[in-house]
Amino acid sequence: MKTTKKITFLTMLAIVQLLFVQCSDKKEATISEPQTITKTIVVQGTDSVQSIRIAYVSYDSLLANYSFAKEIQMDMLRKEMSINNTIEEERKVLQKEAAEFERKVQNNLFLSQETAQAEYDKIMKKEQELLQRGQAMIANLEQESNKLYGEMTECVNRFIKEYNDEHGYDFILTKIGGNMLYANEAYDITADIVEGLNAKYGKGLGE
């Protein structure tokens, strides 16, 4: 009897790390007064002088220090680990079945080629089902991530709008990674935004 080739298993479960945030609008946040930053410009061709108030938020730092964002991140990591563990356990069981199948083939323990083929097809079907199950769990986790990420974006944007209603900046820019070649730290209001977001989240706990 011809030896059936070994069963191979696809590597699964590459999870996109996202950070997720939820906000509560039931309470008003207490915010410290930031430094007033202005930029004076001269309108070309005129004698007009205008002052523009500019600030920016370092988004990476905001997400790293926003209490609820960190909490959600840990929850997502736990779910990712749970998926990995579940798939790994099922994969080990399937590997044992594959090894036992090969042992039988090598020792000519199947009564016929048809019996061996049926056993092989059964194991391959289990492998395919395991792969599909893993992909489905990944897809569900990614959907949850995208939903929470959208809620986080809406939450932060709403808070910054409320914040700016009081502080009156003309521009509040976002600094993400290296998307700004240079930013004067005097314009950075990240700490103030984080303080306000955390205060709002803290007051909304358990509600």
N, C-alpha and C. Protein backbone atom coordinates (compact mmCIF):
# COMPACT_ATOMS: atom_id res chain seq x y z
N MET A 1 0.85 -1.20 0.00
CA MET A 1 0.00 0.00 0.00
C MET A 1 0.88 1.24 0.00
N LYS A 2 0.47 2.22 -0.83
CA LYS A 2 1.23 3.46 -0.91
C LYS A 2 1.06 4.26 0.36
N THR A 3 2.21 4.78 0.92
CA THR A 3 2.14 5.59 2.15
C THR A 3 1.51 6.93 1.84
N THR A 4 0.49 7.29 2.59
CA THR A 4 -0.18 8.58 2.39
C THR A 4 0.66 9.69 2.96
N LYS A 5 0.77 10.80 2.24
CA LYS A 5 1.62 11.89 2.70
C LYS A 5 1.12 12.50 4.00
N LYS A 6 2.05 13.07 4.77
CA LYS A 6 1.73 13.65 6.06
C LYS A 6 0.77 14.82 5.92
N ILE A 7 -0.05 14.99 6.92
CA ILE A 7 -0.99 16.11 6.94
C ILE A 7 -0.29 17.34 7.48
N THR A 8 -0.47 18.42 6.79
CA THR A 8 0.13 19.67 7.27
C THR A 8 -0.96 20.58 7.79
N PHE A 9 -0.57 21.49 8.70
CA PHE A 9 -1.52 22.40 9.33
C PHE A 9 -1.11 23.82 9.07
N LEU A 10 -2.10 24.64 8.71
CA LEU A 10 -1.83 26.06 8.45
C LEU A 10 -1.64 26.81 9.75
N THR A 11 -0.74 27.77 9.71
CA THR A 11 -0.55 28.64 10.87
C THR A 11 -1.69 29.65 10.87
N MET A 12 -2.31 29.77 12.03
CA MET A 12 -3.48 30.63 12.10
C MET A 12 -3.35 31.69 13.16
N LEU A 13 -4.32 32.54 13.19
CA LEU A 13 -4.56 33.49 14.28
C LEU A 13 -3.56 34.63 14.33
N ALA A 14 -3.49 35.46 13.23
CA ALA A 14 -2.74 36.73 13.30
C ALA A 14 -3.75 37.80 13.63
N ILE A 15 -3.69 38.33 14.84
CA ILE A 15 -4.70 39.29 15.30
C ILE A 15 -4.16 40.70 15.19
N VAL A 16 -4.92 41.64 14.55
CA VAL A 16 -4.54 43.04 14.50
C VAL A 16 -4.87 43.69 15.83
N GLN A 17 -3.74 44.23 16.42
CA GLN A 17 -3.91 44.84 17.74
C GLN A 17 -4.50 46.20 17.56
N LEU A 18 -5.61 46.25 18.17
CA LEU A 18 -6.23 47.55 18.19
C LEU A 18 -6.52 47.94 19.61
N LEU A 19 -6.58 49.14 19.78
CA LEU A 19 -6.96 49.62 21.10
C LEU A 19 -8.39 50.13 21.01
N PHE A 20 -9.13 49.85 22.05
CA PHE A 20 -10.54 50.20 21.99
C PHE A 20 -10.95 50.98 23.22
N VAL A 21 -11.88 51.91 22.99
CA VAL A 21 -12.26 52.79 24.09
C VAL A 21 -13.77 52.95 24.11
N GLN A 22 -14.37 53.05 25.27
CA GLN A 22 -15.78 53.36 25.43
C GLN A 22 -15.89 54.57 26.35
N CYS A 23 -16.84 55.42 26.05
CA CYS A 23 -16.96 56.60 26.91
C CYS A 23 -18.35 56.69 27.51
N SER A 24 -18.47 57.47 28.57
CA SER A 24 -19.75 57.72 29.21
C SER A 24 -20.01 59.21 29.22
N ASP A 25 -21.19 59.62 28.72
CA ASP A 25 -21.53 61.04 28.65
C ASP A 25 -22.46 61.45 29.78
N LYS A 26 -22.59 60.58 30.80
CA LYS A 26 -23.56 60.88 31.86
C LYS A 26 -23.04 61.91 32.84
N LYS A 27 -21.72 62.08 32.91
CA LYS A 27 -21.13 63.01 33.87
C LYS A 27 -20.26 64.00 33.15
N GLU A 28 -20.12 65.18 33.69
CA GLU A 28 -19.22 66.20 33.14
C GLU A 28 -17.82 66.00 33.68
N ALA A 29 -16.80 66.16 32.80
CA ALA A 29 -15.41 65.99 33.23
C ALA A 29 -14.86 67.28 33.80
N THR A 30 -13.97 67.13 34.76
CA THR A 30 -13.25 68.27 35.31
C THR A 30 -11.92 68.39 34.60
N ILE A 31 -11.63 69.53 33.96
CA ILE A 31 -10.46 69.69 33.12
C ILE A 31 -9.61 70.84 33.63
N SER A 32 -8.31 70.61 33.68
CA SER A 32 -7.43 71.69 34.09
C SER A 32 -7.25 72.68 32.95
N GLU A 33 -6.93 73.89 33.28
CA GLU A 33 -6.78 74.95 32.29
C GLU A 33 -5.43 74.84 31.59
N PRO A 34 -5.41 74.63 30.25
CA PRO A 34 -4.15 74.48 29.54
C PRO A 34 -3.48 75.81 29.28
N GLN A 35 -2.23 75.73 28.92
CA GLN A 35 -1.50 76.93 28.53
C GLN A 35 -2.07 77.46 27.22
N THR A 36 -2.23 78.75 27.11
CA THR A 36 -2.75 79.36 25.87
C THR A 36 -1.61 79.51 24.87
N ILE A 37 -1.78 78.90 23.72
CA ILE A 37 -0.77 78.95 22.67
C ILE A 37 -1.34 79.68 21.47
N THR A 38 -0.65 80.66 20.97
CA THR A 38 -1.12 81.39 19.79
C THR A 38 -0.02 81.47 18.77
N LYS A 39 -0.44 81.57 17.52
CA LYS A 39 0.49 81.75 16.41
C LYS A 39 0.06 82.99 15.65
N THR A 40 0.92 83.97 15.57
CA THR A 40 0.59 85.21 14.88
C THR A 40 1.03 85.12 13.43
N ILE A 41 0.10 85.43 12.50
CA ILE A 41 0.44 85.41 11.08
C ILE A 41 0.06 86.75 10.45
N VAL A 42 0.74 87.08 9.39
CA VAL A 42 0.45 88.29 8.63
C VAL A 42 -0.17 87.87 7.31
N VAL A 43 -1.37 88.39 7.01
CA VAL A 43 -2.04 88.06 5.77
C VAL A 43 -1.30 88.74 4.62
N GLN A 44 -0.87 87.96 3.65
CA GLN A 44 -0.05 88.47 2.55
C GLN A 44 -0.79 89.57 1.78
N GLY A 45 -0.06 90.63 1.50
CA GLY A 45 -0.60 91.72 0.70
C GLY A 45 -1.43 92.71 1.48
N THR A 46 -1.53 92.51 2.79
CA THR A 46 -2.32 93.45 3.61
C THR A 46 -1.52 93.75 4.88
N ASP A 47 -2.07 94.66 5.66
CA ASP A 47 -1.46 94.98 6.96
C ASP A 47 -2.16 94.21 8.09
N SER A 48 -3.02 93.26 7.69
CA SER A 48 -3.81 92.53 8.68
C SER A 48 -2.95 91.52 9.43
N VAL A 49 -3.12 91.49 10.74
CA VAL A 49 -2.43 90.53 11.59
C VAL A 49 -3.48 89.69 12.33
N GLN A 50 -3.34 88.37 12.27
CA GLN A 50 -4.30 87.49 12.92
C GLN A 50 -3.56 86.55 13.87
N SER A 51 -4.20 86.24 14.98
CA SER A 51 -3.66 85.26 15.91
C SER A 51 -4.49 83.99 15.84
N ILE A 52 -3.82 82.88 15.61
CA ILE A 52 -4.50 81.58 15.50
C ILE A 52 -4.05 80.71 16.66
N ARG A 53 -5.01 80.16 17.38
CA ARG A 53 -4.70 79.29 18.52
C ARG A 53 -4.63 77.84 18.03
N ILE A 54 -3.46 77.24 18.24
CA ILE A 54 -3.19 75.90 17.73
C ILE A 54 -2.78 74.98 18.88
N ALA A 55 -3.21 73.73 18.82
CA ALA A 55 -2.78 72.71 19.77
C ALA A 55 -2.77 71.37 19.05
N TYR A 56 -2.13 70.38 19.67
CA TYR A 56 -2.17 69.04 19.08
C TYR A 56 -2.24 67.99 20.19
N VAL A 57 -2.73 66.83 19.79
CA VAL A 57 -2.84 65.69 20.71
C VAL A 57 -2.03 64.54 20.14
N SER A 58 -1.13 64.00 20.96
CA SER A 58 -0.38 62.79 20.58
C SER A 58 -1.27 61.59 20.82
N TYR A 59 -1.79 61.03 19.74
CA TYR A 59 -2.80 59.98 19.86
C TYR A 59 -2.24 58.71 20.48
N ASP A 60 -1.00 58.37 20.14
CA ASP A 60 -0.38 57.17 20.72
C ASP A 60 -0.31 57.29 22.24
N SER A 61 0.12 58.47 22.70
CA SER A 61 0.22 58.70 24.14
C SER A 61 -1.16 58.71 24.79
N LEU A 62 -2.12 59.29 24.10
CA LEU A 62 -3.49 59.33 24.63
C LEU A 62 -4.02 57.92 24.87
N LEU A 63 -3.87 57.04 23.86
CA LEU A 63 -4.37 55.68 23.99
C LEU A 63 -3.61 54.88 25.04
N ALA A 64 -2.32 55.17 25.17
CA ALA A 64 -1.49 54.45 26.13
C ALA A 64 -1.82 54.84 27.57
N ASN A 65 -2.43 56.02 27.78
CA ASN A 65 -2.68 56.51 29.13
C ASN A 65 -4.15 56.63 29.48
N TYR A 66 -5.02 56.39 28.53
CA TYR A 66 -6.45 56.45 28.78
C TYR A 66 -6.85 55.15 29.49
N SER A 67 -7.31 55.25 30.71
CA SER A 67 -7.55 54.09 31.57
C SER A 67 -8.45 53.05 30.92
N PHE A 68 -9.55 53.50 30.33
CA PHE A 68 -10.48 52.54 29.76
C PHE A 68 -9.92 51.91 28.49
N ALA A 69 -9.12 52.65 27.74
CA ALA A 69 -8.48 52.10 26.55
C ALA A 69 -7.58 50.94 26.93
N LYS A 70 -6.82 51.13 28.02
CA LYS A 70 -5.93 50.05 28.48
C LYS A 70 -6.74 48.85 28.95
N GLU A 71 -7.86 49.12 29.60
CA GLU A 71 -8.72 48.04 30.10
C GLU A 71 -9.28 47.23 28.93
N ILE A 72 -9.73 47.93 27.89
CA ILE A 72 -10.28 47.25 26.72
C ILE A 72 -9.20 46.48 25.99
N GLN A 73 -8.02 47.06 25.90
CA GLN A 73 -6.91 46.38 25.25
C GLN A 73 -6.60 45.04 25.94
N MET A 74 -6.58 45.05 27.26
CA MET A 74 -6.32 43.82 28.00
C MET A 74 -7.42 42.79 27.76
N ASP A 75 -8.65 43.24 27.66
CA ASP A 75 -9.76 42.33 27.40
C ASP A 75 -9.62 41.69 26.03
N MET A 76 -9.22 42.48 25.03
CA MET A 76 -9.03 41.94 23.69
C MET A 76 -7.87 40.94 23.65
N LEU A 77 -6.81 41.23 24.40
CA LEU A 77 -5.68 40.32 24.45
C LEU A 77 -6.07 38.99 25.10
N ARG A 78 -6.90 39.08 26.14
CA ARG A 78 -7.37 37.85 26.79
C ARG A 78 -8.20 37.01 25.83
N LYS A 79 -9.05 37.67 25.05
CA LYS A 79 -9.86 36.94 24.08
C LYS A 79 -8.99 36.32 22.99
N GLU A 80 -7.97 37.06 22.57
CA GLU A 80 -7.05 36.52 21.56
C GLU A 80 -6.33 35.28 22.09
N MET A 81 -5.86 35.36 23.33
CA MET A 81 -5.17 34.21 23.93
C MET A 81 -6.11 33.01 24.08
N SER A 82 -7.36 33.29 24.40
CA SER A 82 -8.33 32.21 24.54
C SER A 82 -8.56 31.50 23.20
N ILE A 83 -8.65 32.28 22.14
CA ILE A 83 -8.80 31.70 20.81
C ILE A 83 -7.59 30.84 20.45
N ASN A 84 -6.41 31.40 20.69
CA ASN A 84 -5.17 30.67 20.40
C ASN A 84 -5.12 29.34 21.16
N ASN A 85 -5.47 29.39 22.45
CA ASN A 85 -5.42 28.18 23.27
C ASN A 85 -6.42 27.13 22.79
N THR A 86 -7.62 27.60 22.44
CA THR A 86 -8.65 26.67 21.96
C THR A 86 -8.21 25.97 20.68
N ILE A 87 -7.72 26.74 19.73
CA ILE A 87 -7.28 26.17 18.46
C ILE A 87 -6.09 25.25 18.65
N GLU A 88 -5.16 25.65 19.52
CA GLU A 88 -3.96 24.85 19.75
C GLU A 88 -4.32 23.49 20.35
N GLU A 89 -5.27 23.47 21.30
CA GLU A 89 -5.68 22.20 21.91
C GLU A 89 -6.32 21.29 20.87
N GLU A 90 -7.19 21.85 20.04
CA GLU A 90 -7.84 21.04 19.02
C GLU A 90 -6.83 20.57 17.97
N ARG A 91 -5.85 21.40 17.68
CA ARG A 91 -4.82 21.04 16.70
C ARG A 91 -3.99 19.86 17.20
N LYS A 92 -3.67 19.86 18.51
CA LYS A 92 -2.89 18.76 19.09
C LYS A 92 -3.65 17.45 18.99
N VAL A 93 -4.96 17.49 19.26
CA VAL A 93 -5.79 16.29 19.16
C VAL A 93 -5.76 15.76 17.72
N LEU A 94 -5.88 16.69 16.77
CA LEU A 94 -5.89 16.29 15.36
C LEU A 94 -4.53 15.75 14.93
N GLN A 95 -3.47 16.30 15.47
CA GLN A 95 -2.14 15.80 15.15
C GLN A 95 -1.97 14.36 15.63
N LYS A 96 -2.52 14.04 16.80
CA LYS A 96 -2.45 12.68 17.31
C LYS A 96 -3.20 11.72 16.39
N GLU A 97 -4.36 12.14 15.91
CA GLU A 97 -5.12 11.31 14.97
C GLU A 97 -4.33 11.09 13.69
N ALA A 98 -3.66 12.16 13.21
CA ALA A 98 -2.87 12.04 11.99
C ALA A 98 -1.70 11.10 12.19
N ALA A 99 -1.06 11.19 13.37
CA ALA A 99 0.08 10.31 13.66
C ALA A 99 -0.36 8.85 13.74
N GLU A 100 -1.53 8.63 14.36
CA GLU A 100 -2.06 7.27 14.46
C GLU A 100 -2.41 6.72 13.08
N PHE A 101 -2.94 7.57 12.23
CA PHE A 101 -3.25 7.15 10.87
C PHE A 101 -1.99 6.72 10.14
N GLU A 102 -0.93 7.49 10.25
CA GLU A 102 0.32 7.15 9.58
C GLU A 102 0.92 5.85 10.12
N ARG A 103 0.77 5.67 11.44
CA ARG A 103 1.27 4.42 12.03
C ARG A 103 0.56 3.21 11.43
N LYS A 104 -0.74 3.33 11.26
CA LYS A 104 -1.51 2.23 10.69
C LYS A 104 -1.12 1.97 9.24
N VAL A 105 -0.88 3.07 8.50
CA VAL A 105 -0.49 2.92 7.10
C VAL A 105 0.86 2.21 7.00
N GLN A 106 1.81 2.66 7.81
CA GLN A 106 3.16 2.10 7.77
C GLN A 106 3.19 0.63 8.17
N ASN A 107 2.26 0.25 9.05
CA ASN A 107 2.22 -1.15 9.52
C ASN A 107 1.17 -1.97 8.78
N ASN A 108 0.63 -1.39 7.72
CA ASN A 108 -0.33 -2.10 6.86
C ASN A 108 -1.50 -2.66 7.67
N LEU A 109 -2.06 -1.80 8.54
CA LEU A 109 -3.13 -2.24 9.42
C LEU A 109 -4.54 -2.01 8.87
N PHE A 110 -4.63 -1.29 7.75
CA PHE A 110 -5.95 -1.07 7.14
C PHE A 110 -6.31 -2.28 6.29
N LEU A 111 -7.58 -2.66 6.32
CA LEU A 111 -8.02 -3.83 5.57
C LEU A 111 -8.00 -3.60 4.07
N SER A 112 -8.16 -2.32 3.68
CA SER A 112 -8.18 -2.01 2.24
C SER A 112 -7.75 -0.57 2.01
N GLN A 113 -7.44 -0.30 0.75
CA GLN A 113 -7.10 1.07 0.37
C GLN A 113 -8.28 2.00 0.60
N GLU A 114 -9.49 1.49 0.38
CA GLU A 114 -10.69 2.31 0.56
C GLU A 114 -10.86 2.71 2.03
N THR A 115 -10.57 1.77 2.93
CA THR A 115 -10.69 2.06 4.36
C THR A 115 -9.68 3.13 4.78
N ALA A 116 -8.47 2.99 4.27
CA ALA A 116 -7.43 3.97 4.58
C ALA A 116 -7.79 5.34 4.03
N GLN A 117 -8.33 5.37 2.80
CA GLN A 117 -8.70 6.65 2.19
C GLN A 117 -9.83 7.32 2.95
N ALA A 118 -10.78 6.52 3.42
CA ALA A 118 -11.90 7.06 4.19
C ALA A 118 -11.41 7.68 5.49
N GLU A 119 -10.44 7.01 6.14
CA GLU A 119 -9.88 7.55 7.38
C GLU A 119 -9.10 8.84 7.13
N TYR A 120 -8.36 8.84 6.04
CA TYR A 120 -7.60 10.04 5.66
C TYR A 120 -8.54 11.21 5.37
N ASP A 121 -9.59 10.96 4.61
CA ASP A 121 -10.56 12.01 4.28
C ASP A 121 -11.23 12.57 5.54
N LYS A 122 -11.47 11.69 6.49
CA LYS A 122 -12.09 12.13 7.75
C LYS A 122 -11.18 13.10 8.50
N ILE A 123 -9.88 12.77 8.55
CA ILE A 123 -8.93 13.64 9.23
C ILE A 123 -8.77 14.96 8.49
N MET A 124 -8.72 14.92 7.17
CA MET A 124 -8.60 16.14 6.39
C MET A 124 -9.83 17.05 6.56
N LYS A 125 -11.00 16.43 6.70
CA LYS A 125 -12.22 17.20 6.92
C LYS A 125 -12.17 17.90 8.27
N LYS A 126 -11.67 17.19 9.29
CA LYS A 126 -11.53 17.80 10.61
C LYS A 126 -10.54 18.97 10.57
N GLU A 127 -9.46 18.79 9.80
CA GLU A 127 -8.49 19.88 9.68
C GLU A 127 -9.11 21.12 9.04
N GLN A 128 -9.90 20.90 7.99
CA GLN A 128 -10.55 22.01 7.31
C GLN A 128 -11.56 22.70 8.21
N GLU A 129 -12.31 21.90 8.98
CA GLU A 129 -13.28 22.48 9.91
C GLU A 129 -12.58 23.29 11.01
N LEU A 130 -11.44 22.79 11.47
CA LEU A 130 -10.68 23.51 12.49
C LEU A 130 -10.19 24.85 11.94
N LEU A 131 -9.70 24.83 10.72
CA LEU A 131 -9.24 26.05 10.07
C LEU A 131 -10.38 27.06 9.93
N GLN A 132 -11.52 26.59 9.49
CA GLN A 132 -12.68 27.47 9.32
C GLN A 132 -13.16 28.04 10.64
N ARG A 133 -13.15 27.20 11.70
CA ARG A 133 -13.54 27.66 13.02
C ARG A 133 -12.60 28.75 13.51
N GLY A 134 -11.30 28.55 13.32
CA GLY A 134 -10.33 29.56 13.72
C GLY A 134 -10.53 30.86 12.97
N GLN A 135 -10.76 30.76 11.68
CA GLN A 135 -10.97 31.95 10.87
C GLN A 135 -12.24 32.69 11.29
N ALA A 136 -13.28 31.94 11.64
CA ALA A 136 -14.53 32.56 12.08
C ALA A 136 -14.34 33.30 13.40
N MET A 137 -13.58 32.70 14.32
CA MET A 137 -13.33 33.36 15.60
C MET A 137 -12.50 34.62 15.41
N ILE A 138 -11.53 34.56 14.49
CA ILE A 138 -10.74 35.75 14.19
C ILE A 138 -11.62 36.85 13.61
N ALA A 139 -12.48 36.47 12.67
CA ALA A 139 -13.36 37.45 12.03
C ALA A 139 -14.28 38.11 13.05
N ASN A 140 -14.82 37.31 13.98
CA ASN A 140 -15.70 37.88 15.01
C ASN A 140 -14.95 38.85 15.92
N LEU A 141 -13.71 38.48 16.27
CA LEU A 141 -12.92 39.36 17.12
C LEU A 141 -12.56 40.66 16.40
N GLU A 142 -12.27 40.55 15.12
CA GLU A 142 -11.94 41.75 14.33
C GLU A 142 -13.17 42.66 14.18
N GLN A 143 -14.35 42.05 14.03
CA GLN A 143 -15.58 42.84 13.96
C GLN A 143 -15.81 43.60 15.26
N GLU A 144 -15.58 42.91 16.36
CA GLU A 144 -15.73 43.55 17.66
C GLU A 144 -14.72 44.68 17.82
N SER A 145 -13.49 44.44 17.35
CA SER A 145 -12.44 45.46 17.41
C SER A 145 -12.84 46.69 16.61
N ASN A 146 -13.31 46.47 15.38
CA ASN A 146 -13.68 47.59 14.52
C ASN A 146 -14.83 48.40 15.11
N LYS A 147 -15.80 47.69 15.70
CA LYS A 147 -16.94 48.37 16.32
C LYS A 147 -16.49 49.26 17.47
N LEU A 148 -15.67 48.69 18.36
CA LEU A 148 -15.19 49.45 19.51
C LEU A 148 -14.26 50.58 19.08
N TYR A 149 -13.47 50.35 18.05
CA TYR A 149 -12.58 51.40 17.57
C TYR A 149 -13.40 52.58 17.02
N GLY A 150 -14.48 52.27 16.32
CA GLY A 150 -15.35 53.34 15.82
C GLY A 150 -15.99 54.11 16.97
N GLU A 151 -16.41 53.40 18.01
CA GLU A 151 -16.99 54.06 19.18
C GLU A 151 -15.95 54.92 19.89
N MET A 152 -14.73 54.41 19.95
CA MET A 152 -13.64 55.17 20.58
C MET A 152 -13.38 56.47 19.82
N THR A 153 -13.32 56.38 18.50
CA THR A 153 -13.06 57.57 17.69
C THR A 153 -14.15 58.62 17.89
N GLU A 154 -15.39 58.16 17.88
CA GLU A 154 -16.52 59.08 18.09
C GLU A 154 -16.45 59.70 19.49
N CYS A 155 -16.10 58.88 20.49
CA CYS A 155 -16.03 59.34 21.87
C CYS A 155 -14.97 60.43 22.03
N VAL A 156 -13.76 60.16 21.53
CA VAL A 156 -12.68 61.12 21.68
C VAL A 156 -12.98 62.41 20.92
N ASN A 157 -13.50 62.28 19.70
CA ASN A 157 -13.84 63.48 18.92
C ASN A 157 -14.89 64.33 19.62
N ARG A 158 -15.88 63.66 20.22
CA ARG A 158 -16.93 64.40 20.93
C ARG A 158 -16.36 65.11 22.16
N PHE A 159 -15.47 64.41 22.87
CA PHE A 159 -14.88 65.03 24.05
C PHE A 159 -14.03 66.25 23.67
N ILE A 160 -13.24 66.12 22.60
CA ILE A 160 -12.39 67.23 22.19
C ILE A 160 -13.23 68.42 21.74
N LYS A 161 -14.37 68.14 21.11
CA LYS A 161 -15.26 69.24 20.72
C LYS A 161 -15.79 69.96 21.96
N GLU A 162 -16.21 69.18 22.97
CA GLU A 162 -16.68 69.78 24.21
C GLU A 162 -15.56 70.57 24.90
N TYR A 163 -14.38 69.98 24.88
CA TYR A 163 -13.21 70.62 25.47
C TYR A 163 -12.93 71.96 24.78
N ASN A 164 -13.03 71.95 23.45
CA ASN A 164 -12.70 73.16 22.70
C ASN A 164 -13.79 74.22 22.79
N ASP A 165 -15.01 73.82 23.10
CA ASP A 165 -16.06 74.81 23.33
C ASP A 165 -15.67 75.76 24.46
N GLU A 166 -14.91 75.21 25.42
CA GLU A 166 -14.46 76.02 26.55
C GLU A 166 -13.15 76.76 26.27
N HIS A 167 -12.24 76.11 25.53
CA HIS A 167 -10.89 76.65 25.39
C HIS A 167 -10.62 77.37 24.06
N GLY A 168 -11.48 77.20 23.08
CA GLY A 168 -11.46 78.02 21.89
C GLY A 168 -10.24 77.97 21.00
N TYR A 169 -9.71 76.77 20.73
CA TYR A 169 -8.63 76.66 19.76
C TYR A 169 -9.19 76.74 18.34
N ASP A 170 -8.38 77.26 17.42
CA ASP A 170 -8.77 77.27 16.01
C ASP A 170 -8.47 75.92 15.35
N PHE A 171 -7.38 75.31 15.78
CA PHE A 171 -7.00 74.00 15.27
C PHE A 171 -6.53 73.12 16.43
N ILE A 172 -7.04 71.88 16.49
CA ILE A 172 -6.47 70.85 17.35
C ILE A 172 -6.09 69.70 16.43
N LEU A 173 -4.79 69.52 16.27
CA LEU A 173 -4.27 68.53 15.33
C LEU A 173 -4.02 67.20 16.03
N THR A 174 -3.89 66.15 15.23
CA THR A 174 -3.60 64.82 15.76
C THR A 174 -2.20 64.41 15.34
N LYS A 175 -1.39 64.02 16.31
CA LYS A 175 -0.05 63.50 16.03
C LYS A 175 -0.07 62.00 16.28
N ILE A 176 0.06 61.23 15.19
CA ILE A 176 0.06 59.77 15.28
C ILE A 176 1.38 59.25 14.75
N GLY A 177 2.14 58.59 15.60
CA GLY A 177 3.43 58.05 15.17
C GLY A 177 4.31 59.16 14.62
N GLY A 178 4.77 58.98 13.38
CA GLY A 178 5.65 59.96 12.75
C GLY A 178 4.98 60.78 11.69
N ASN A 179 3.64 60.98 11.81
CA ASN A 179 2.96 61.72 10.75
C ASN A 179 3.24 63.22 10.78
N MET A 180 3.87 63.72 11.85
CA MET A 180 4.34 65.10 11.90
C MET A 180 5.86 65.09 11.91
N LEU A 181 6.44 65.83 10.99
CA LEU A 181 7.90 65.89 10.94
C LEU A 181 8.46 66.61 12.18
N TYR A 182 7.71 67.61 12.64
CA TYR A 182 8.14 68.34 13.84
C TYR A 182 6.91 68.93 14.51
N ALA A 183 6.91 68.90 15.84
CA ALA A 183 5.83 69.52 16.60
C ALA A 183 6.42 70.10 17.87
N ASN A 184 6.22 71.38 18.06
CA ASN A 184 6.69 72.06 19.28
C ASN A 184 5.88 71.56 20.47
N GLU A 185 6.56 71.04 21.48
CA GLU A 185 5.88 70.45 22.63
C GLU A 185 5.05 71.47 23.41
N ALA A 186 5.32 72.75 23.20
CA ALA A 186 4.52 73.76 23.88
C ALA A 186 3.06 73.73 23.41
N TYR A 187 2.82 73.15 22.24
CA TYR A 187 1.47 73.07 21.69
C TYR A 187 0.75 71.78 22.09
N ASP A 188 1.42 70.92 22.83
CA ASP A 188 0.90 69.60 23.17
C ASP A 188 -0.08 69.68 24.34
N ILE A 189 -1.33 69.32 24.09
CA ILE A 189 -2.35 69.33 25.15
C ILE A 189 -2.79 67.91 25.50
N THR A 190 -1.97 66.92 25.13
CA THR A 190 -2.34 65.51 25.35
C THR A 190 -2.65 65.22 26.81
N ALA A 191 -1.78 65.65 27.70
CA ALA A 191 -1.96 65.35 29.11
C ALA A 191 -3.29 65.90 29.63
N ASP A 192 -3.66 67.07 29.16
CA ASP A 192 -4.91 67.68 29.59
C ASP A 192 -6.11 66.89 29.06
N ILE A 193 -6.03 66.44 27.81
CA ILE A 193 -7.11 65.66 27.22
C ILE A 193 -7.24 64.32 27.94
N VAL A 194 -6.11 63.67 28.22
CA VAL A 194 -6.12 62.39 28.93
C VAL A 194 -6.74 62.56 30.32
N GLU A 195 -6.36 63.63 30.99
CA GLU A 195 -6.91 63.89 32.33
C GLU A 195 -8.43 64.02 32.26
N GLY A 196 -8.91 64.76 31.27
CA GLY A 196 -10.35 64.94 31.13
C GLY A 196 -11.08 63.66 30.78
N LEU A 197 -10.51 62.88 29.85
CA LEU A 197 -11.13 61.61 29.46
C LEU A 197 -11.17 60.64 30.64
N ASN A 198 -10.08 60.55 31.38
CA ASN A 198 -10.05 59.64 32.53
C ASN A 198 -11.02 60.07 33.62
N ALA A 199 -11.14 61.38 33.81
CA ALA A 199 -12.09 61.87 34.81
C ALA A 199 -13.52 61.52 34.40
N LYS A 200 -13.80 61.67 33.12
CA LYS A 200 -15.16 61.36 32.62
C LYS A 200 -15.43 59.86 32.73
N TYR A 201 -14.46 59.06 32.37
CA TYR A 201 -14.62 57.61 32.46
C TYR A 201 -14.79 57.16 33.91
N GLY A 202 -13.96 57.73 34.79
CA GLY A 202 -14.04 57.37 36.21
C GLY A 202 -15.39 57.67 36.81
N LYS A 203 -16.00 58.79 36.46
CA LYS A 203 -17.30 59.16 37.00
C LYS A 203 -18.41 58.28 36.44
N GLY A 204 -18.15 57.69 35.27
CA GLY A 204 -19.18 56.86 34.64
C GLY A 204 -19.08 55.39 35.01
N LEU A 205 -18.12 54.99 35.85
CA LEU A 205 -17.94 53.58 36.20
C LEU A 205 -19.19 53.04 36.88
N GLY A 206 -19.61 51.84 36.42
CA GLY A 206 -20.72 51.14 37.06
C GLY A 206 -22.08 51.67 36.70
N GLU A 207 -22.15 52.60 35.76
CA GLU A 207 -23.46 53.17 35.40
C GLU A 207 -23.97 52.59 34.11
